[in-house]
Amino acid sequence: MTAYRVREFFNDGALSLTAVESLDLHTSRSNVGSYISGSIDPVAIIVSDQTGTYALDIHAQTLTLEQLRRAIPELDALCEEEQ
């Protein structure tokens, strides 16, 4: 199962940085018991400053918010939850 989360990790009033991360959960079962494991991977950073808002992918390539929304349709709802 893959889910996404956003979390603001820096905000000084002039600059805001928000991490977009994917959460991958894996479950398995054996005769000994059940196991769950997971990983958190970076997807992008949303940068907001006086000039506007844009995103950087994990390779530091600029993305528009629209490109990020197409990749993660639930992005707007996640950002609203974070606030």
C-alpha atoms as a PDB file:
ATOM      1  CA  MET A   1       0.000   0.000   0.000  1.00  0.00           C
ATOM      2  CA  THR A   2       1.332   3.433  -0.918  1.00  0.00           C
ATOM      3  CA  ALA A   3       0.105   6.635   0.686  1.00  0.00           C
ATOM      4  CA  TYR A   4       1.443  10.171   0.697  1.00  0.00           C
ATOM      5  CA  ARG A   5       2.001  12.719   3.439  1.00  0.00           C
ATOM      6  CA  VAL A   6       3.080  16.348   3.558  1.00  0.00           C
ATOM      7  CA  ARG A   7       4.769  18.145   6.422  1.00  0.00           C
ATOM      8  CA  GLU A   8       6.090  21.644   6.721  1.00  0.00           C
ATOM      9  CA  PHE A   9       9.624  21.507   8.080  1.00  0.00           C
ATOM     10  CA  PHE A  10      10.669  25.150   7.778  1.00  0.00           C
ATOM     11  CA  ASN A  11       8.829  28.465   7.919  1.00  0.00           C
ATOM     12  CA  ASP A  12      10.369  31.813   8.833  1.00  0.00           C
ATOM     13  CA  GLY A  13       7.502  33.925   7.530  1.00  0.00           C
ATOM     14  CA  ALA A  14       9.273  34.740   4.259  1.00  0.00           C
ATOM     15  CA  LEU A  15      10.078  31.194   3.160  1.00  0.00           C
ATOM     16  CA  SER A  16       8.142  27.974   3.688  1.00  0.00           C
ATOM     17  CA  LEU A  17       9.437  24.477   2.843  1.00  0.00           C
ATOM     18  CA  THR A  18       7.072  21.512   2.807  1.00  0.00           C
ATOM     19  CA  ALA A  19       8.181  17.912   2.255  1.00  0.00           C
ATOM     20  CA  VAL A  20       6.043  15.570   0.161  1.00  0.00           C
ATOM     21  CA  GLU A  21       6.790  11.948   1.018  1.00  0.00           C
ATOM     22  CA  SER A  22       5.507   8.546  -0.033  1.00  0.00           C
ATOM     23  CA  LEU A  23       4.760   5.924   2.600  1.00  0.00           C
ATOM     24  CA  ASP A  24       5.004   2.319   1.474  1.00  0.00           C
ATOM     25  CA  LEU A  25       3.650  -0.307   3.867  1.00  0.00           C
ATOM     26  CA  HIS A  26       4.220  -4.022   3.428  1.00  0.00           C
ATOM     27  CA  THR A  27       2.700  -6.886   5.378  1.00  0.00           C
ATOM     28  CA  SER A  28       3.611 -10.539   5.503  1.00  0.00           C
ATOM     29  CA  ARG A  29       2.467 -13.554   7.421  1.00  0.00           C
ATOM     30  CA  SER A  30       4.235 -16.745   8.417  1.00  0.00           C
ATOM     31  CA  ASN A  31       3.599 -19.607  10.799  1.00  0.00           C
ATOM     32  CA  VAL A  32       5.429 -17.568  13.465  1.00  0.00           C
ATOM     33  CA  GLY A  33       3.306 -14.429  13.151  1.00  0.00           C
ATOM     34  CA  SER A  34       2.428 -11.376  11.118  1.00  0.00           C
ATOM     35  CA  TYR A  35       4.868  -8.663  10.160  1.00  0.00           C
ATOM     36  CA  ILE A  36       4.543  -5.117   8.939  1.00  0.00           C
ATOM     37  CA  SER A  37       7.316  -3.010   7.525  1.00  0.00           C
ATOM     38  CA  GLY A  38       7.419   0.292   5.762  1.00  0.00           C
ATOM     39  CA  SER A  39       9.532   2.923   4.143  1.00  0.00           C
ATOM     40  CA  ILE A  40       9.275   6.667   3.728  1.00  0.00           C
ATOM     41  CA  ASP A  41      10.712   8.114   0.534  1.00  0.00           C
ATOM     42  CA  PRO A  42      11.009  11.745  -0.529  1.00  0.00           C
ATOM     43  CA  VAL A  43       8.931  12.812  -3.532  1.00  0.00           C
ATOM     44  CA  ALA A  44       9.276  16.595  -3.661  1.00  0.00           C
ATOM     45  CA  ILE A  45       9.694  19.792  -1.693  1.00  0.00           C
ATOM     46  CA  ILE A  46       7.152  22.576  -2.067  1.00  0.00           C
ATOM     47  CA  VAL A  47       8.800  25.991  -1.830  1.00  0.00           C
ATOM     48  CA  SER A  48       6.728  29.105  -1.061  1.00  0.00           C
ATOM     49  CA  ASP A  49       8.231  32.586  -0.900  1.00  0.00           C
ATOM     50  CA  GLN A  50       7.401  36.138  -1.938  1.00  0.00           C
ATOM     51  CA  THR A  51       7.865  35.285  -5.632  1.00  0.00           C
ATOM     52  CA  GLY A  52       5.392  32.375  -5.610  1.00  0.00           C
ATOM     53  CA  THR A  53       5.094  28.663  -5.015  1.00  0.00           C
ATOM     54  CA  TYR A  54       6.790  25.835  -6.908  1.00  0.00           C
ATOM     55  CA  ALA A  55       8.122  22.349  -6.239  1.00  0.00           C
ATOM     56  CA  LEU A  56      11.463  20.602  -6.558  1.00  0.00           C
ATOM     57  CA  ASP A  57      11.621  16.875  -7.267  1.00  0.00           C
ATOM     58  CA  ILE A  58      14.200  14.572  -5.676  1.00  0.00           C
ATOM     59  CA  HIS A  59      16.666  15.473  -8.437  1.00  0.00           C
ATOM     60  CA  ALA A  60      16.228  19.221  -7.715  1.00  0.00           C
ATOM     61  CA  GLN A  61      14.352  19.749 -10.985  1.00  0.00           C
ATOM     62  CA  THR A  62      11.668  22.427 -10.855  1.00  0.00           C
ATOM     63  CA  LEU A  63       8.058  21.250 -11.067  1.00  0.00           C
ATOM     64  CA  THR A  64       4.930  23.320 -11.270  1.00  0.00           C
ATOM     65  CA  LEU A  65       2.308  22.576  -8.663  1.00  0.00           C
ATOM     66  CA  GLU A  66       0.065  21.365 -11.473  1.00  0.00           C
ATOM     67  CA  GLN A  67       2.658  18.721 -12.436  1.00  0.00           C
ATOM     68  CA  LEU A  68       2.859  17.606  -8.816  1.00  0.00           C
ATOM     69  CA  ARG A  69      -0.957  17.508  -8.548  1.00  0.00           C
ATOM     70  CA  ARG A  70      -1.137  15.264 -11.622  1.00  0.00           C
ATOM     71  CA  ALA A  71       1.357  12.878 -10.020  1.00  0.00           C
ATOM     72  CA  ILE A  72      -0.385  12.996  -6.614  1.00  0.00           C
ATOM     73  CA  PRO A  73      -4.111  13.703  -7.077  1.00  0.00           C
ATOM     74  CA  GLU A  74      -4.726  13.899  -3.302  1.00  0.00           C
ATOM     75  CA  LEU A  75      -2.065  16.622  -2.834  1.00  0.00           C
ATOM     76  CA  ASP A  76      -4.507  19.486  -2.198  1.00  0.00           C
ATOM     77  CA  ALA A  77      -6.373  17.517   0.466  1.00  0.00           C
ATOM     78  CA  LEU A  78      -3.094  16.540   2.154  1.00  0.00           C
ATOM     79  CA  CYS A  79      -1.915  20.155   2.205  1.00  0.00           C
ATOM     80  CA  GLU A  80      -5.206  21.270   3.765  1.00  0.00           C
ATOM     81  CA  GLU A  81      -4.834  18.626   6.493  1.00  0.00           C
ATOM     82  CA  GLU A  82      -1.307  19.864   7.263  1.00  0.00           C
ATOM     83  CA  GLN A  83      -2.519  23.414   7.966  1.00  0.00           C
END
